[in-house]
Amino acid sequence: MPEGLSPNAEKVFRAMKDAGIVGEEKMTDAQRITNMSKLPKAQCLAALQELEKKGYVKRRAREKSAGYYLIKTQ
């Protein structure tokens, strides 16, 4: 588990890792990640932003909704 993350960011990281959302081909949207992490959507989005700033998650803009995937799993 990465160090220095908030509890919500850890929960989102763990949910994404457990679901295998690693690499661009496994990218998924914030709604699915929210459902997996069982956090309120606003908290999940804040956690995704934190993970993105710290270099663990990549956000890719798409036509309907942005996609997210892990780029670091440690």
PDB file of N, CA and C in Angstrom:
ATOM      1  N   MET A   1       0.855  -1.185   0.000  1.00  0.00           N
ATOM      2  CA  MET A   1       0.000   0.000   0.000  1.00  0.00           C
ATOM      3  C   MET A   1       0.896   1.241   0.000  1.00  0.00           C
ATOM      4  N   PRO A   2       0.597   2.197  -0.864  1.00  0.00           N
ATOM      5  CA  PRO A   2       1.387   3.438  -0.895  1.00  0.00           C
ATOM      6  C   PRO A   2       1.278   4.192   0.431  1.00  0.00           C
ATOM      7  N   GLU A   3       2.357   4.858   0.808  1.00  0.00           N
ATOM      8  CA  GLU A   3       2.357   5.622   2.055  1.00  0.00           C
ATOM      9  C   GLU A   3       1.964   7.069   1.792  1.00  0.00           C
ATOM     10  N   GLY A   4       1.442   7.725   2.834  1.00  0.00           N
ATOM     11  CA  GLY A   4       1.114   9.137   2.748  1.00  0.00           C
ATOM     12  C   GLY A   4      -0.199   9.449   2.067  1.00  0.00           C
ATOM     13  N   LEU A   5      -1.078   8.461   1.961  1.00  0.00           N
ATOM     14  CA  LEU A   5      -2.388   8.691   1.347  1.00  0.00           C
ATOM     15  C   LEU A   5      -3.450   8.834   2.430  1.00  0.00           C
ATOM     16  N   SER A   6      -4.498   9.581   2.113  1.00  0.00           N
ATOM     17  CA  SER A   6      -5.636   9.681   3.022  1.00  0.00           C
ATOM     18  C   SER A   6      -6.351   8.323   3.063  1.00  0.00           C
ATOM     19  N   PRO A   7      -7.143   8.075   4.105  1.00  0.00           N
ATOM     20  CA  PRO A   7      -7.881   6.802   4.179  1.00  0.00           C
ATOM     21  C   PRO A   7      -8.774   6.560   2.954  1.00  0.00           C
ATOM     22  N   ASN A   8      -9.423   7.612   2.449  1.00  0.00           N
ATOM     23  CA  ASN A   8     -10.279   7.442   1.274  1.00  0.00           C
ATOM     24  C   ASN A   8      -9.461   7.099   0.035  1.00  0.00           C
ATOM     25  N   ALA A   9      -8.314   7.743  -0.130  1.00  0.00           N
ATOM     26  CA  ALA A   9      -7.456   7.444  -1.283  1.00  0.00           C
ATOM     27  C   ALA A   9      -6.948   6.008  -1.196  1.00  0.00           C
ATOM     28  N   GLU A  10      -6.625   5.547   0.007  1.00  0.00           N
ATOM     29  CA  GLU A  10      -6.199   4.152   0.182  1.00  0.00           C
ATOM     30  C   GLU A  10      -7.313   3.196  -0.205  1.00  0.00           C
ATOM     31  N   LYS A  11      -8.533   3.527   0.187  1.00  0.00           N
ATOM     32  CA  LYS A  11      -9.683   2.674  -0.117  1.00  0.00           C
ATOM     33  C   LYS A  11      -9.914   2.601  -1.630  1.00  0.00           C
ATOM     34  N   VAL A  12      -9.831   3.740  -2.306  1.00  0.00           N
ATOM     35  CA  VAL A  12     -10.010   3.778  -3.761  1.00  0.00           C
ATOM     36  C   VAL A  12      -8.872   3.019  -4.444  1.00  0.00           C
ATOM     37  N   PHE A  13      -7.643   3.238  -3.991  1.00  0.00           N
ATOM     38  CA  PHE A  13      -6.486   2.542  -4.555  1.00  0.00           C
ATOM     39  C   PHE A  13      -6.674   1.030  -4.436  1.00  0.00           C
ATOM     40  N   ARG A  14      -7.041   0.576  -3.244  1.00  0.00           N
ATOM     41  CA  ARG A  14      -7.235  -0.856  -3.005  1.00  0.00           C
ATOM     42  C   ARG A  14      -8.352  -1.417  -3.885  1.00  0.00           C
ATOM     43  N   ALA A  15      -9.459  -0.685  -4.008  1.00  0.00           N
ATOM     44  CA  ALA A  15     -10.577  -1.146  -4.837  1.00  0.00           C
ATOM     45  C   ALA A  15     -10.159  -1.267  -6.302  1.00  0.00           C
ATOM     46  N   MET A  16      -9.413  -0.281  -6.791  1.00  0.00           N
ATOM     47  CA  MET A  16      -8.963  -0.321  -8.188  1.00  0.00           C
ATOM     48  C   MET A  16      -7.968  -1.464  -8.407  1.00  0.00           C
ATOM     49  N   LYS A  17      -7.061  -1.642  -7.473  1.00  0.00           N
ATOM     50  CA  LYS A  17      -6.061  -2.709  -7.603  1.00  0.00           C
ATOM     51  C   LYS A  17      -6.735  -4.079  -7.561  1.00  0.00           C
ATOM     52  N   ASP A  18      -7.658  -4.267  -6.614  1.00  0.00           N
ATOM     53  CA  ASP A  18      -8.368  -5.548  -6.494  1.00  0.00           C
ATOM     54  C   ASP A  18      -9.187  -5.867  -7.739  1.00  0.00           C
ATOM     55  N   ALA A  19      -9.713  -4.829  -8.395  1.00  0.00           N
ATOM     56  CA  ALA A  19     -10.516  -5.022  -9.609  1.00  0.00           C
ATOM     57  C   ALA A  19      -9.650  -5.151 -10.862  1.00  0.00           C
ATOM     58  N   GLY A  20      -8.345  -4.961 -10.714  1.00  0.00           N
ATOM     59  CA  GLY A  20      -7.446  -5.105 -11.861  1.00  0.00           C
ATOM     60  C   GLY A  20      -7.467  -3.936 -12.823  1.00  0.00           C
ATOM     61  N   ILE A  21      -7.795  -2.741 -12.321  1.00  0.00           N
ATOM     62  CA  ILE A  21      -7.847  -1.553 -13.182  1.00  0.00           C
ATOM     63  C   ILE A  21      -6.435  -0.975 -13.278  1.00  0.00           C
ATOM     64  N   VAL A  22      -5.583  -1.720 -13.963  1.00  0.00           N
ATOM     65  CA  VAL A  22      -4.174  -1.367 -14.112  1.00  0.00           C
ATOM     66  C   VAL A  22      -3.874  -1.296 -15.603  1.00  0.00           C
ATOM     67  N   GLY A  23      -3.492  -0.127 -16.070  1.00  0.00           N
ATOM     68  CA  GLY A  23      -3.202   0.052 -17.489  1.00  0.00           C
ATOM     69  C   GLY A  23      -4.392   0.611 -18.238  1.00  0.00           C
ATOM     70  N   GLU A  24      -4.088   1.303 -19.319  1.00  0.00           N
ATOM     71  CA  GLU A  24      -5.115   2.022 -20.077  1.00  0.00           C
ATOM     72  C   GLU A  24      -6.200   1.110 -20.633  1.00  0.00           C
ATOM     73  N   GLU A  25      -5.850  -0.119 -20.994  1.00  0.00           N
ATOM     74  CA  GLU A  25      -6.849  -1.037 -21.563  1.00  0.00           C
ATOM     75  C   GLU A  25      -7.893  -1.466 -20.536  1.00  0.00           C
ATOM     76  N   LYS A  26      -7.611  -1.301 -19.249  1.00  0.00           N
ATOM     77  CA  LYS A  26      -8.559  -1.665 -18.181  1.00  0.00           C
ATOM     78  C   LYS A  26      -9.272  -0.440 -17.600  1.00  0.00           C
ATOM     79  N   MET A  27      -9.096   0.715 -18.216  1.00  0.00           N
ATOM     80  CA  MET A  27      -9.644   1.981 -17.724  1.00  0.00           C
ATOM     81  C   MET A  27     -11.156   1.885 -17.481  1.00  0.00           C
ATOM     82  N   THR A  28     -11.611   2.568 -16.424  1.00  0.00           N
ATOM     83  CA  THR A  28     -13.042   2.608 -16.128  1.00  0.00           C
ATOM     84  C   THR A  28     -13.420   4.001 -15.624  1.00  0.00           C
ATOM     85  N   ASP A  29     -14.717   4.254 -15.529  1.00  0.00           N
ATOM     86  CA  ASP A  29     -15.160   5.598 -15.140  1.00  0.00           C
ATOM     87  C   ASP A  29     -15.318   5.732 -13.622  1.00  0.00           C
ATOM     88  N   ALA A  30     -15.479   6.972 -13.196  1.00  0.00           N
ATOM     89  CA  ALA A  30     -15.555   7.281 -11.766  1.00  0.00           C
ATOM     90  C   ALA A  30     -16.767   6.634 -11.104  1.00  0.00           C
ATOM     91  N   GLN A  31     -17.863   6.481 -11.827  1.00  0.00           N
ATOM     92  CA  GLN A  31     -19.057   5.879 -11.234  1.00  0.00           C
ATOM     93  C   GLN A  31     -18.790   4.438 -10.814  1.00  0.00           C
ATOM     94  N   ARG A  32     -18.124   3.686 -11.664  1.00  0.00           N
ATOM     95  CA  ARG A  32     -17.807   2.287 -11.324  1.00  0.00           C
ATOM     96  C   ARG A  32     -16.838   2.231 -10.138  1.00  0.00           C
ATOM     97  N   ILE A  33     -15.861   3.122 -10.126  1.00  0.00           N
ATOM     98  CA  ILE A  33     -14.902   3.155  -9.019  1.00  0.00           C
ATOM     99  C   ILE A  33     -15.617   3.548  -7.724  1.00  0.00           C
ATOM    100  N   THR A  34     -16.563   4.479  -7.813  1.00  0.00           N
ATOM    101  CA  THR A  34     -17.370   4.873  -6.654  1.00  0.00           C
ATOM    102  C   THR A  34     -18.128   3.665  -6.109  1.00  0.00           C
ATOM    103  N   ASN A  35     -18.747   2.899  -6.992  1.00  0.00           N
ATOM    104  CA  ASN A  35     -19.493   1.709  -6.568  1.00  0.00           C
ATOM    105  C   ASN A  35     -18.574   0.679  -5.912  1.00  0.00           C
ATOM    106  N   MET A  36     -17.389   0.478  -6.469  1.00  0.00           N
ATOM    107  CA  MET A  36     -16.452  -0.509  -5.926  1.00  0.00           C
ATOM    108  C   MET A  36     -15.910  -0.093  -4.562  1.00  0.00           C
ATOM    109  N   SER A  37     -15.630   1.199  -4.404  1.00  0.00           N
ATOM    110  CA  SER A  37     -15.026   1.677  -3.151  1.00  0.00           C
ATOM    111  C   SER A  37     -16.057   1.877  -2.043  1.00  0.00           C
ATOM    112  N   LYS A  38     -17.331   1.951  -2.419  1.00  0.00           N
ATOM    113  CA  LYS A  38     -18.432   2.171  -1.468  1.00  0.00           C
ATOM    114  C   LYS A  38     -18.301   3.502  -0.724  1.00  0.00           C
ATOM    115  N   LEU A  39     -17.690   4.480  -1.381  1.00  0.00           N
ATOM    116  CA  LEU A  39     -17.586   5.835  -0.838  1.00  0.00           C
ATOM    117  C   LEU A  39     -18.610   6.724  -1.536  1.00  0.00           C
ATOM    118  N   PRO A  40     -19.026   7.818  -0.887  1.00  0.00           N
ATOM    119  CA  PRO A  40     -19.849   8.800  -1.599  1.00  0.00           C
ATOM    120  C   PRO A  40     -19.072   9.338  -2.807  1.00  0.00           C
ATOM    121  N   LYS A  41     -19.788   9.696  -3.864  1.00  0.00           N
ATOM    122  CA  LYS A  41     -19.130  10.089  -5.113  1.00  0.00           C
ATOM    123  C   LYS A  41     -18.154  11.251  -4.930  1.00  0.00           C
ATOM    124  N   ALA A  42     -18.532  12.277  -4.169  1.00  0.00           N
ATOM    125  CA  ALA A  42     -17.649  13.436  -3.979  1.00  0.00           C
ATOM    126  C   ALA A  42     -16.340  13.015  -3.307  1.00  0.00           C
ATOM    127  N   GLN A  43     -16.433  12.126  -2.320  1.00  0.00           N
ATOM    128  CA  GLN A  43     -15.226  11.652  -1.634  1.00  0.00           C
ATOM    129  C   GLN A  43     -14.373  10.789  -2.557  1.00  0.00           C
ATOM    130  N   CYS A  44     -15.019   9.991  -3.381  1.00  0.00           N
ATOM    131  CA  CYS A  44     -14.294   9.157  -4.335  1.00  0.00           C
ATOM    132  C   CYS A  44     -13.566  10.029  -5.360  1.00  0.00           C
ATOM    133  N   LEU A  45     -14.233  11.059  -5.864  1.00  0.00           N
ATOM    134  CA  LEU A  45     -13.602  11.956  -6.841  1.00  0.00           C
ATOM    135  C   LEU A  45     -12.416  12.691  -6.222  1.00  0.00           C
ATOM    136  N   ALA A  46     -12.555  13.118  -4.963  1.00  0.00           N
ATOM    137  CA  ALA A  46     -11.441  13.778  -4.273  1.00  0.00           C
ATOM    138  C   ALA A  46     -10.274  12.805  -4.101  1.00  0.00           C
ATOM    139  N   ALA A  47     -10.576  11.559  -3.775  1.00  0.00           N
ATOM    140  CA  ALA A  47      -9.533  10.542  -3.622  1.00  0.00           C
ATOM    141  C   ALA A  47      -8.849  10.269  -4.959  1.00  0.00           C
ATOM    142  N   LEU A  48      -9.614  10.220  -6.048  1.00  0.00           N
ATOM    143  CA  LEU A  48      -9.026  10.025  -7.378  1.00  0.00           C
ATOM    144  C   LEU A  48      -8.097  11.185  -7.733  1.00  0.00           C
ATOM    145  N   GLN A  49      -8.502  12.408  -7.394  1.00  0.00           N
ATOM    146  CA  GLN A  49      -7.641  13.571  -7.650  1.00  0.00           C
ATOM    147  C   GLN A  49      -6.351  13.473  -6.846  1.00  0.00           C
ATOM    148  N   GLU A  50      -6.463  13.060  -5.588  1.00  0.00           N
ATOM    149  CA  GLU A  50      -5.272  12.893  -4.748  1.00  0.00           C
ATOM    150  C   GLU A  50      -4.334  11.843  -5.350  1.00  0.00           C
ATOM    151  N   LEU A  51      -4.895  10.714  -5.761  1.00  0.00           N
ATOM    152  CA  LEU A  51      -4.083   9.653  -6.363  1.00  0.00           C
ATOM    153  C   LEU A  51      -3.441  10.117  -7.668  1.00  0.00           C
ATOM    154  N   GLU A  52      -4.174  10.927  -8.421  1.00  0.00           N
ATOM    155  CA  GLU A  52      -3.632  11.452  -9.678  1.00  0.00           C
ATOM    156  C   GLU A  52      -2.464  12.411  -9.399  1.00  0.00           C
ATOM    157  N   LYS A  53      -2.633  13.303  -8.426  1.00  0.00           N
ATOM    158  CA  LYS A  53      -1.570  14.260  -8.073  1.00  0.00           C
ATOM    159  C   LYS A  53      -0.308  13.558  -7.587  1.00  0.00           C
ATOM    160  N   LYS A  54      -0.484  12.434  -6.894  1.00  0.00           N
ATOM    161  CA  LYS A  54       0.666  11.709  -6.343  1.00  0.00           C
ATOM    162  C   LYS A  54       1.243  10.696  -7.331  1.00  0.00           C
ATOM    163  N   GLY A  55       0.664  10.630  -8.529  1.00  0.00           N
ATOM    164  CA  GLY A  55       1.237   9.796  -9.575  1.00  0.00           C
ATOM    165  C   GLY A  55       0.832   8.331  -9.566  1.00  0.00           C
ATOM    166  N   TYR A  56      -0.251   7.989  -8.882  1.00  0.00           N
ATOM    167  CA  TYR A  56      -0.703   6.599  -8.839  1.00  0.00           C
ATOM    168  C   TYR A  56      -1.780   6.299  -9.869  1.00  0.00           C
ATOM    169  N   VAL A  57      -2.536   7.318 -10.249  1.00  0.00           N
ATOM    170  CA  VAL A  57      -3.666   7.149 -11.165  1.00  0.00           C
ATOM    171  C   VAL A  57      -3.497   8.090 -12.344  1.00  0.00           C
ATOM    172  N   LYS A  58      -3.914   7.626 -13.497  1.00  0.00           N
ATOM    173  CA  LYS A  58      -3.931   8.460 -14.703  1.00  0.00           C
ATOM    174  C   LYS A  58      -5.387   8.692 -15.080  1.00  0.00           C
ATOM    175  N   ARG A  59      -5.710   9.929 -15.417  1.00  0.00           N
ATOM    176  CA  ARG A  59      -7.059  10.293 -15.873  1.00  0.00           C
ATOM    177  C   ARG A  59      -6.984  10.556 -17.361  1.00  0.00           C
ATOM    178  N   ARG A  60      -7.895   9.946 -18.102  1.00  0.00           N
ATOM    179  CA  ARG A  60      -7.925  10.117 -19.546  1.00  0.00           C
ATOM    180  C   ARG A  60      -9.304  10.647 -19.940  1.00  0.00           C
ATOM    181  N   ALA A  61      -9.334  11.807 -20.593  1.00  0.00           N
ATOM    182  CA  ALA A  61     -10.604  12.382 -21.052  1.00  0.00           C
ATOM    183  C   ALA A  61     -11.153  11.523 -22.187  1.00  0.00           C
ATOM    184  N   ARG A  62     -12.446  11.273 -22.133  1.00  0.00           N
ATOM    185  CA  ARG A  62     -13.119  10.500 -23.183  1.00  0.00           C
ATOM    186  C   ARG A  62     -14.366  11.259 -23.609  1.00  0.00           C
ATOM    187  N   GLU A  63     -15.088  10.696 -24.572  1.00  0.00           N
ATOM    188  CA  GLU A  63     -16.255  11.377 -25.119  1.00  0.00           C
ATOM    189  C   GLU A  63     -17.332  11.663 -24.072  1.00  0.00           C
ATOM    190  N   LYS A  64     -17.775  10.643 -23.345  1.00  0.00           N
ATOM    191  CA  LYS A  64     -18.863  10.837 -22.387  1.00  0.00           C
ATOM    192  C   LYS A  64     -18.370  11.098 -20.968  1.00  0.00           C
ATOM    193  N   SER A  65     -17.437  10.310 -20.509  1.00  0.00           N
ATOM    194  CA  SER A  65     -16.915  10.501 -19.149  1.00  0.00           C
ATOM    195  C   SER A  65     -15.439  10.138 -19.118  1.00  0.00           C
ATOM    196  N   ALA A  66     -14.724  10.745 -18.194  1.00  0.00           N
ATOM    197  CA  ALA A  66     -13.291  10.474 -18.070  1.00  0.00           C
ATOM    198  C   ALA A  66     -13.077   9.049 -17.570  1.00  0.00           C
ATOM    199  N   GLY A  67     -11.963   8.479 -17.970  1.00  0.00           N
ATOM    200  CA  GLY A  67     -11.595   7.150 -17.509  1.00  0.00           C
ATOM    201  C   GLY A  67     -10.386   7.236 -16.595  1.00  0.00           C
ATOM    202  N   TYR A  68     -10.292   6.319 -15.660  1.00  0.00           N
ATOM    203  CA  TYR A  68      -9.191   6.287 -14.699  1.00  0.00           C
ATOM    204  C   TYR A  68      -8.580   4.896 -14.688  1.00  0.00           C
ATOM    205  N   TYR A  69      -7.263   4.852 -14.457  1.00  0.00           N
ATOM    206  CA  TYR A  69      -6.582   3.572 -14.287  1.00  0.00           C
ATOM    207  C   TYR A  69      -5.316   3.784 -13.472  1.00  0.00           C
ATOM    208  N   LEU A  70      -4.872   2.725 -12.812  1.00  0.00           N
ATOM    209  CA  LEU A  70      -3.653   2.787 -12.005  1.00  0.00           C
ATOM    210  C   LEU A  70      -2.426   2.724 -12.903  1.00  0.00           C
ATOM    211  N   ILE A  71      -1.421   3.535 -12.578  1.00  0.00           N
ATOM    212  CA  ILE A  71      -0.147   3.440 -13.282  1.00  0.00           C
ATOM    213  C   ILE A  71       0.950   2.955 -12.339  1.00  0.00           C
ATOM    214  N   LYS A  72       0.688   2.983 -11.034  1.00  0.00           N
ATOM    215  CA  LYS A  72       1.602   2.431 -10.025  1.00  0.00           C
ATOM    216  C   LYS A  72       0.774   1.550  -9.108  1.00  0.00           C
ATOM    217  N   THR A  73       1.286   0.390  -8.778  1.00  0.00           N
ATOM    218  CA  THR A  73       0.535  -0.502  -7.886  1.00  0.00           C
ATOM    219  C   THR A  73       1.239  -0.720  -6.555  1.00  0.00           C
ATOM    220  N   GLN A  74       2.314  -0.010  -6.302  1.00  0.00           N
ATOM    221  CA  GLN A  74       3.046  -0.132  -5.030  1.00  0.00           C
ATOM    222  C   GLN A  74       3.062   1.204  -4.319  1.00  0.00           C
TER     223      GLN A  74
END
